[in-house]
N, C-alpha and C. Protein backbone atom coordinates (compact mmCIF):
# COMPACT_ATOMS: atom_id res chain seq x y z
N MET A 1 -23.90 -1.58 -10.12
CA MET A 1 -22.76 -1.82 -9.64
C MET A 1 -22.96 -1.41 -8.04
N THR A 2 -23.03 -2.08 -6.93
CA THR A 2 -23.37 -1.64 -5.64
C THR A 2 -21.69 -0.77 -5.32
N ILE A 3 -21.72 -0.06 -4.56
CA ILE A 3 -20.53 0.55 -3.46
C ILE A 3 -19.60 -0.77 -3.16
N ALA A 4 -20.41 -1.65 -2.49
CA ALA A 4 -19.49 -2.89 -2.25
C ALA A 4 -18.61 -3.34 -3.01
N GLU A 5 -19.29 -3.99 -4.21
CA GLU A 5 -18.72 -4.04 -5.57
C GLU A 5 -17.53 -3.29 -6.01
N ARG A 6 -17.63 -2.16 -6.07
CA ARG A 6 -16.57 -1.57 -6.58
C ARG A 6 -15.63 -1.19 -5.98
N ILE A 7 -15.77 -1.41 -4.26
CA ILE A 7 -14.68 -1.65 -3.46
C ILE A 7 -13.70 -2.76 -3.53
N ARG A 8 -14.50 -3.62 -3.63
CA ARG A 8 -13.71 -4.95 -3.88
C ARG A 8 -13.39 -5.01 -5.27
N ASN A 9 -13.90 -4.72 -6.46
CA ASN A 9 -13.18 -4.71 -7.63
C ASN A 9 -11.58 -3.98 -7.99
N ARG A 10 -11.89 -2.62 -7.21
CA ARG A 10 -10.75 -1.88 -7.46
C ARG A 10 -9.92 -2.34 -6.41
N ARG A 11 -9.98 -3.08 -5.39
CA ARG A 11 -9.38 -3.70 -4.34
C ARG A 11 -8.45 -4.56 -5.19
N LEU A 12 -9.33 -5.69 -6.28
CA LEU A 12 -8.54 -6.50 -6.96
C LEU A 12 -7.66 -6.07 -8.25
N GLU A 13 -8.26 -4.97 -8.55
CA GLU A 13 -7.66 -4.07 -9.73
C GLU A 13 -6.49 -3.58 -9.44
N LEU A 14 -6.01 -3.32 -8.09
CA LEU A 14 -5.36 -3.01 -7.53
C LEU A 14 -3.95 -4.24 -7.22
N GLY A 15 -4.43 -5.43 -6.98
CA GLY A 15 -3.58 -6.47 -6.55
C GLY A 15 -3.48 -6.34 -5.38
N LEU A 16 -4.45 -5.75 -4.39
CA LEU A 16 -4.54 -5.88 -2.85
C LEU A 16 -4.65 -7.00 -2.50
N SER A 17 -4.57 -7.47 -1.37
CA SER A 17 -5.46 -8.50 -0.57
C SER A 17 -6.36 -7.70 0.79
N VAL A 18 -7.12 -8.13 1.17
CA VAL A 18 -8.09 -7.69 2.28
C VAL A 18 -7.12 -7.00 3.12
N ASP A 19 -6.06 -7.91 3.61
CA ASP A 19 -5.02 -7.53 4.80
C ASP A 19 -4.30 -6.27 4.30
N ASP A 20 -3.98 -6.35 3.20
CA ASP A 20 -3.25 -4.90 2.50
C ASP A 20 -4.19 -3.73 2.46
N LEU A 21 -5.24 -3.91 2.08
CA LEU A 21 -6.32 -3.06 2.06
C LEU A 21 -6.40 -2.66 3.84
N ALA A 22 -6.72 -3.21 4.46
CA ALA A 22 -7.02 -3.01 5.92
C ALA A 22 -5.72 -2.33 6.67
N ASN A 23 -4.76 -2.81 6.18
CA ASN A 23 -3.26 -2.57 6.57
C ASN A 23 -3.63 -0.58 5.76
N ARG A 24 -4.04 -0.17 4.89
CA ARG A 24 -3.93 0.89 4.37
C ARG A 24 -4.93 1.88 5.03
N LEU A 25 -6.03 1.08 5.34
CA LEU A 25 -7.23 2.05 6.13
C LEU A 25 -6.92 2.11 7.71
N GLN A 26 -5.91 1.40 8.30
CA GLN A 26 -5.48 1.42 9.69
C GLN A 26 -7.09 0.70 10.19
N LYS A 27 -7.35 -0.47 9.70
CA LYS A 27 -8.62 -0.99 10.15
C LYS A 27 -8.28 -2.49 10.12
N ASN A 28 -9.35 -3.51 10.84
CA ASN A 28 -8.93 -4.69 10.88
C ASN A 28 -9.51 -5.32 9.78
N ARG A 29 -9.26 -6.76 9.50
CA ARG A 29 -9.98 -7.10 7.97
C ARG A 29 -11.35 -7.21 7.86
N ALA A 30 -11.62 -7.58 9.32
CA ALA A 30 -13.20 -7.74 9.51
C ALA A 30 -13.96 -6.56 8.99
N THR A 31 -13.47 -5.47 9.25
CA THR A 31 -14.00 -3.94 8.54
C THR A 31 -14.10 -4.23 6.72
N VAL A 32 -13.15 -4.53 6.67
CA VAL A 32 -12.77 -4.50 4.74
C VAL A 32 -14.05 -5.72 4.65
N TYR A 33 -14.03 -6.60 4.79
CA TYR A 33 -15.29 -7.57 4.63
C TYR A 33 -16.49 -7.40 4.45
N ARG A 34 -16.66 -6.23 5.76
CA ARG A 34 -18.07 -5.50 5.80
C ARG A 34 -18.37 -4.30 4.58
N TYR A 35 -17.32 -3.73 4.22
CA TYR A 35 -17.26 -2.98 3.38
C TYR A 35 -17.58 -3.81 1.89
N GLU A 36 -17.14 -4.53 2.01
CA GLU A 36 -17.20 -5.34 0.64
C GLU A 36 -18.45 -6.72 0.50
N SER A 37 -19.16 -6.34 1.38
CA SER A 37 -20.17 -7.26 1.57
C SER A 37 -21.44 -6.91 1.51
N ASN A 38 -21.68 -5.56 1.39
CA ASN A 38 -23.06 -4.91 1.43
C ASN A 38 -23.70 -4.77 2.73
N TYR A 39 -22.83 -5.03 3.83
CA TYR A 39 -23.50 -5.23 4.81
C TYR A 39 -24.01 -3.65 5.69
N ILE A 40 -22.89 -2.66 4.87
CA ILE A 40 -22.93 -1.53 5.21
C ILE A 40 -23.97 -0.86 4.20
N LYS A 41 -24.84 -0.30 4.41
CA LYS A 41 -25.91 0.68 3.34
C LYS A 41 -25.41 1.75 3.36
N SER A 42 -24.76 2.94 4.25
CA SER A 42 -24.58 4.10 4.13
C SER A 42 -23.09 4.27 4.36
N TYR A 43 -22.37 5.05 3.86
CA TYR A 43 -21.04 5.44 4.33
C TYR A 43 -21.00 6.89 4.72
N SER A 44 -20.18 6.88 5.53
CA SER A 44 -19.73 8.38 6.10
C SER A 44 -18.62 8.98 4.80
N PRO A 45 -18.99 10.08 4.74
CA PRO A 45 -17.84 10.94 3.98
C PRO A 45 -16.35 10.64 4.35
N ASP A 46 -16.38 10.51 5.84
CA ASP A 46 -14.72 10.32 6.38
C ASP A 46 -14.51 8.71 5.57
N VAL A 47 -15.35 7.78 5.38
CA VAL A 47 -14.79 6.50 5.22
C VAL A 47 -14.88 6.31 3.54
N MET A 48 -15.33 7.20 3.17
CA MET A 48 -15.45 6.81 1.58
C MET A 48 -13.90 7.90 1.22
N GLU A 49 -13.78 8.96 1.74
CA GLU A 49 -12.42 9.38 1.70
C GLU A 49 -11.51 8.65 1.94
N SER A 50 -11.70 8.07 2.92
CA SER A 50 -10.29 7.16 3.35
C SER A 50 -10.31 5.88 2.43
N LEU A 51 -11.06 5.13 1.89
CA LEU A 51 -11.42 4.13 1.02
C LEU A 51 -10.88 4.72 -0.68
N ALA A 52 -11.23 5.91 -0.72
CA ALA A 52 -10.97 6.40 -2.09
C ALA A 52 -9.12 6.52 -1.82
N LYS A 53 -8.82 6.99 -1.00
CA LYS A 53 -7.23 7.61 -0.79
C LYS A 53 -6.67 6.19 -0.81
N ALA A 54 -7.03 4.86 -0.20
CA ALA A 54 -6.39 3.90 -0.03
C ALA A 54 -6.49 2.91 -1.15
N LEU A 55 -7.44 3.18 -2.25
CA LEU A 55 -7.80 2.54 -3.20
C LEU A 55 -7.49 3.37 -4.59
N GLU A 56 -7.05 4.18 -4.38
CA GLU A 56 -6.16 5.37 -5.63
C GLU A 56 -7.08 5.62 -6.51
N THR A 57 -8.59 6.21 -5.51
CA THR A 57 -9.26 6.63 -6.82
C THR A 57 -10.17 7.75 -6.17
N THR A 58 -11.28 7.99 -6.31
CA THR A 58 -12.31 9.34 -5.61
C THR A 58 -13.44 8.78 -5.10
N PRO A 59 -14.24 9.29 -3.98
CA PRO A 59 -14.98 9.07 -3.81
C PRO A 59 -16.24 8.91 -4.77
N ALA A 60 -16.04 9.66 -5.91
CA ALA A 60 -17.42 9.49 -6.88
C ALA A 60 -17.37 8.14 -7.63
N TYR A 61 -15.84 7.41 -7.62
CA TYR A 61 -16.07 6.27 -8.33
C TYR A 61 -16.92 4.96 -7.66
N PHE A 62 -17.02 5.29 -6.29
CA PHE A 62 -17.69 4.43 -5.68
C PHE A 62 -19.25 4.46 -5.75
N TYR A 63 -19.57 5.64 -6.21
CA TYR A 63 -20.84 5.82 -6.40
C TYR A 63 -21.39 5.74 -7.82
N GLY A 64 -20.38 5.74 -8.57
CA GLY A 64 -20.54 5.48 -9.92
C GLY A 64 -20.58 6.59 -10.97
N TYR A 65 -20.34 7.66 -10.02
CA TYR A 65 -20.17 8.81 -11.20
C TYR A 65 -19.03 9.22 -11.99
N GLU A 66 -18.08 8.23 -11.70
CA GLU A 66 -16.56 8.50 -12.81
C GLU A 66 -15.78 6.81 -12.54
N GLU A 67 -14.96 6.56 -13.58
CA GLU A 67 -14.29 5.53 -13.78
C GLU A 67 -13.18 5.41 -12.26
N ALA A 68 -12.29 4.53 -12.35
CA ALA A 68 -11.38 4.36 -11.13
C ALA A 68 -10.48 5.69 -10.78
N ASP A 69 -9.60 5.89 -12.21
CA ASP A 69 -8.81 6.75 -11.77
C ASP A 69 -8.67 7.41 -13.29
N PRO A 70 -9.59 8.44 -13.88
CA PRO A 70 -9.62 9.19 -14.92
C PRO A 70 -8.02 8.91 -15.71
N GLU A 71 -7.03 9.56 -14.96
CA GLU A 71 -5.71 10.12 -15.13
C GLU A 71 -4.73 9.00 -15.38
N THR A 72 -4.96 8.20 -14.95
CA THR A 72 -4.27 6.77 -15.01
C THR A 72 -4.91 5.49 -15.30
N GLU A 73 -6.01 5.47 -15.29
CA GLU A 73 -6.68 4.04 -15.77
C GLU A 73 -6.24 3.65 -17.25
N SER A 74 -6.02 4.45 -18.00
CA SER A 74 -6.08 4.36 -19.72
C SER A 74 -4.29 3.93 -19.50
N SER A 75 -3.74 4.64 -18.58
CA SER A 75 -2.23 4.51 -18.25
C SER A 75 -1.36 2.88 -18.80
N SER A 76 -0.44 2.99 -19.71
CA SER A 76 0.11 1.39 -19.64
C SER A 76 0.60 1.25 -18.49
N THR A 77 1.08 2.17 -17.63
CA THR A 77 1.66 1.65 -16.37
C THR A 77 1.32 0.76 -15.37
N ILE A 78 0.19 0.96 -15.44
CA ILE A 78 -0.83 0.32 -14.58
C ILE A 78 -0.87 -1.34 -15.07
N PRO A 79 -0.36 -2.26 -14.27
CA PRO A 79 -0.26 -3.74 -14.95
C PRO A 79 -1.95 -4.20 -14.99
N ARG A 80 -2.26 -4.91 -16.02
CA ARG A 80 -3.56 -5.19 -16.34
C ARG A 80 -4.29 -6.45 -15.70
N THR A 81 -3.19 -7.45 -15.84
CA THR A 81 -3.34 -8.78 -15.37
C THR A 81 -3.38 -8.82 -13.76
N PRO A 82 -3.68 -9.83 -12.79
CA PRO A 82 -3.39 -9.89 -10.93
C PRO A 82 -2.03 -10.72 -11.19
N GLU A 83 -1.61 -11.30 -12.47
CA GLU A 83 -0.07 -11.62 -12.30
C GLU A 83 0.95 -10.60 -12.74
N ALA A 84 0.73 -9.68 -13.37
CA ALA A 84 1.46 -8.25 -13.66
C ALA A 84 1.51 -7.52 -12.51
N ARG A 85 0.29 -7.49 -11.89
CA ARG A 85 0.10 -6.81 -10.85
C ARG A 85 1.27 -7.28 -9.31
N LEU A 86 1.10 -8.69 -9.52
CA LEU A 86 1.76 -9.19 -8.46
C LEU A 86 3.31 -9.04 -8.71
N LEU A 87 3.99 -9.23 -10.08
CA LEU A 87 5.14 -8.96 -10.60
C LEU A 87 5.95 -7.68 -10.02
N ALA A 88 4.95 -6.67 -10.62
CA ALA A 88 5.25 -5.12 -10.19
C ALA A 88 5.51 -4.59 -8.87
N ARG A 89 4.76 -5.32 -7.90
CA ARG A 89 4.88 -5.26 -6.51
C ARG A 89 6.10 -6.00 -5.87
N GLY A 90 6.21 -7.04 -6.64
CA GLY A 90 8.02 -7.65 -6.28
C GLY A 90 8.91 -6.71 -6.63
N VAL A 91 8.85 -6.47 -8.13
CA VAL A 91 9.97 -5.36 -8.43
C VAL A 91 10.07 -4.27 -7.98
N ASP A 92 9.01 -4.07 -7.36
CA ASP A 92 9.08 -2.35 -6.31
C ASP A 92 9.94 -2.69 -5.31
N LYS A 93 9.66 -3.93 -4.55
CA LYS A 93 10.87 -4.42 -3.88
C LYS A 93 12.34 -4.64 -4.07
N MET A 94 12.55 -4.58 -5.14
CA MET A 94 13.85 -5.20 -5.68
C MET A 94 14.94 -3.80 -5.66
N THR A 95 15.93 -4.29 -5.36
CA THR A 95 17.09 -3.43 -5.64
C THR A 95 17.46 -3.24 -6.85
N ALA A 96 18.03 -2.26 -7.68
CA ALA A 96 18.57 -1.92 -9.00
C ALA A 96 18.94 -3.33 -9.42
N GLU A 97 20.17 -3.83 -9.02
CA GLU A 97 20.86 -4.90 -9.09
C GLU A 97 19.92 -6.45 -9.14
N GLN A 98 19.04 -6.25 -8.17
CA GLN A 98 18.52 -7.34 -8.50
C GLN A 98 17.08 -7.32 -9.55
N ARG A 99 16.73 -6.48 -9.93
CA ARG A 99 16.07 -5.89 -11.27
C ARG A 99 16.75 -6.16 -12.48
N GLU A 100 17.91 -5.60 -12.30
CA GLU A 100 18.90 -6.08 -13.41
C GLU A 100 19.33 -7.46 -13.81
N THR A 101 19.54 -8.38 -12.80
CA THR A 101 19.58 -9.64 -12.72
C THR A 101 18.18 -10.29 -13.34
N ILE A 102 16.75 -9.90 -12.95
CA ILE A 102 15.91 -10.74 -13.46
C ILE A 102 15.62 -10.34 -14.84
N ILE A 103 15.95 -9.16 -15.22
CA ILE A 103 15.81 -8.70 -16.48
C ILE A 103 16.86 -9.41 -17.32
N ASN A 104 17.92 -9.78 -16.84
CA ASN A 104 19.05 -10.51 -18.26
C ASN A 104 18.41 -11.77 -17.84
N ILE A 105 17.77 -12.17 -16.99
CA ILE A 105 17.17 -13.86 -16.59
C ILE A 105 16.15 -13.90 -17.87
N MET A 106 15.41 -12.79 -17.74
CA MET A 106 14.20 -12.92 -18.46
C MET A 106 14.57 -13.15 -19.92
N ASN A 107 15.26 -11.56 -20.41
CA ASN A 107 15.87 -11.66 -21.87
C ASN A 107 16.73 -13.35 -22.33
N GLY A 108 17.18 -13.95 -21.34
CA GLY A 108 17.86 -15.06 -21.46
C GLY A 108 16.69 -16.05 -21.92
N LEU A 109 15.62 -16.20 -21.24
CA LEU A 109 14.44 -17.44 -21.31
C LEU A 109 13.61 -16.49 -22.62
N TYR A 110 13.37 -15.20 -22.80
CA TYR A 110 12.42 -14.97 -23.88
C TYR A 110 13.09 -13.81 -24.56
N PRO A 111 14.05 -14.14 -25.32
CA PRO A 111 15.20 -12.89 -26.02
C PRO A 111 13.94 -11.92 -26.85
N GLY A 112 14.19 -10.63 -26.63
CA GLY A 112 13.61 -9.58 -27.25
C GLY A 112 12.32 -9.03 -26.53
N LEU A 113 12.26 -10.21 -25.37
CA LEU A 113 10.66 -9.53 -24.48
C LEU A 113 10.87 -7.52 -24.09
N PHE A 114 12.05 -7.35 -23.75
CA PHE A 114 12.36 -6.36 -23.30
C PHE A 114 12.53 -4.90 -24.36
N GLU A 115 12.56 -5.12 -25.56
CA GLU A 115 13.02 -4.38 -26.45
C GLU A 115 12.03 -3.01 -26.48
N LYS A 116 12.59 -2.03 -26.82
CA LYS A 116 11.67 -0.98 -26.69
C LYS A 116 10.42 -1.32 -27.84
N GLY A 117 8.99 -0.82 -27.19
CA GLY A 117 7.97 -0.93 -28.06
C GLY A 117 7.31 -2.49 -28.30
N ALA A 118 7.88 -3.64 -27.40
CA ALA A 118 7.80 -4.66 -27.29
C ALA A 118 6.72 -4.58 -25.90
N GLU A 119 5.13 -5.06 -26.32
CA GLU A 119 4.21 -5.02 -25.39
C GLU A 119 3.45 -6.27 -25.45
């Protein structure tokens, strides 16, 4: 897998759009597209550090030396599907009252969904 593919895959794993990553990097979307298209053949250490920080991993991940985030990759706190990541981002923006309302609605639609140990 190329560095460009790892950048794109990691962005998608985190549920980020190209614009989201561009904002994190303080670059424009065209730059992100260049990073993800194999257009760039050699990345400076500064660019790798910025990408790693923005994509919550390490430069070694992009070179294929390690997994994306060994400490959290196996953690159940990382949503596994694009839909789950989208929901998680929405929940992060809600007030406690809004989250409680959503949980009550979900429990009404799907009884037992939020019981302890249910996954």
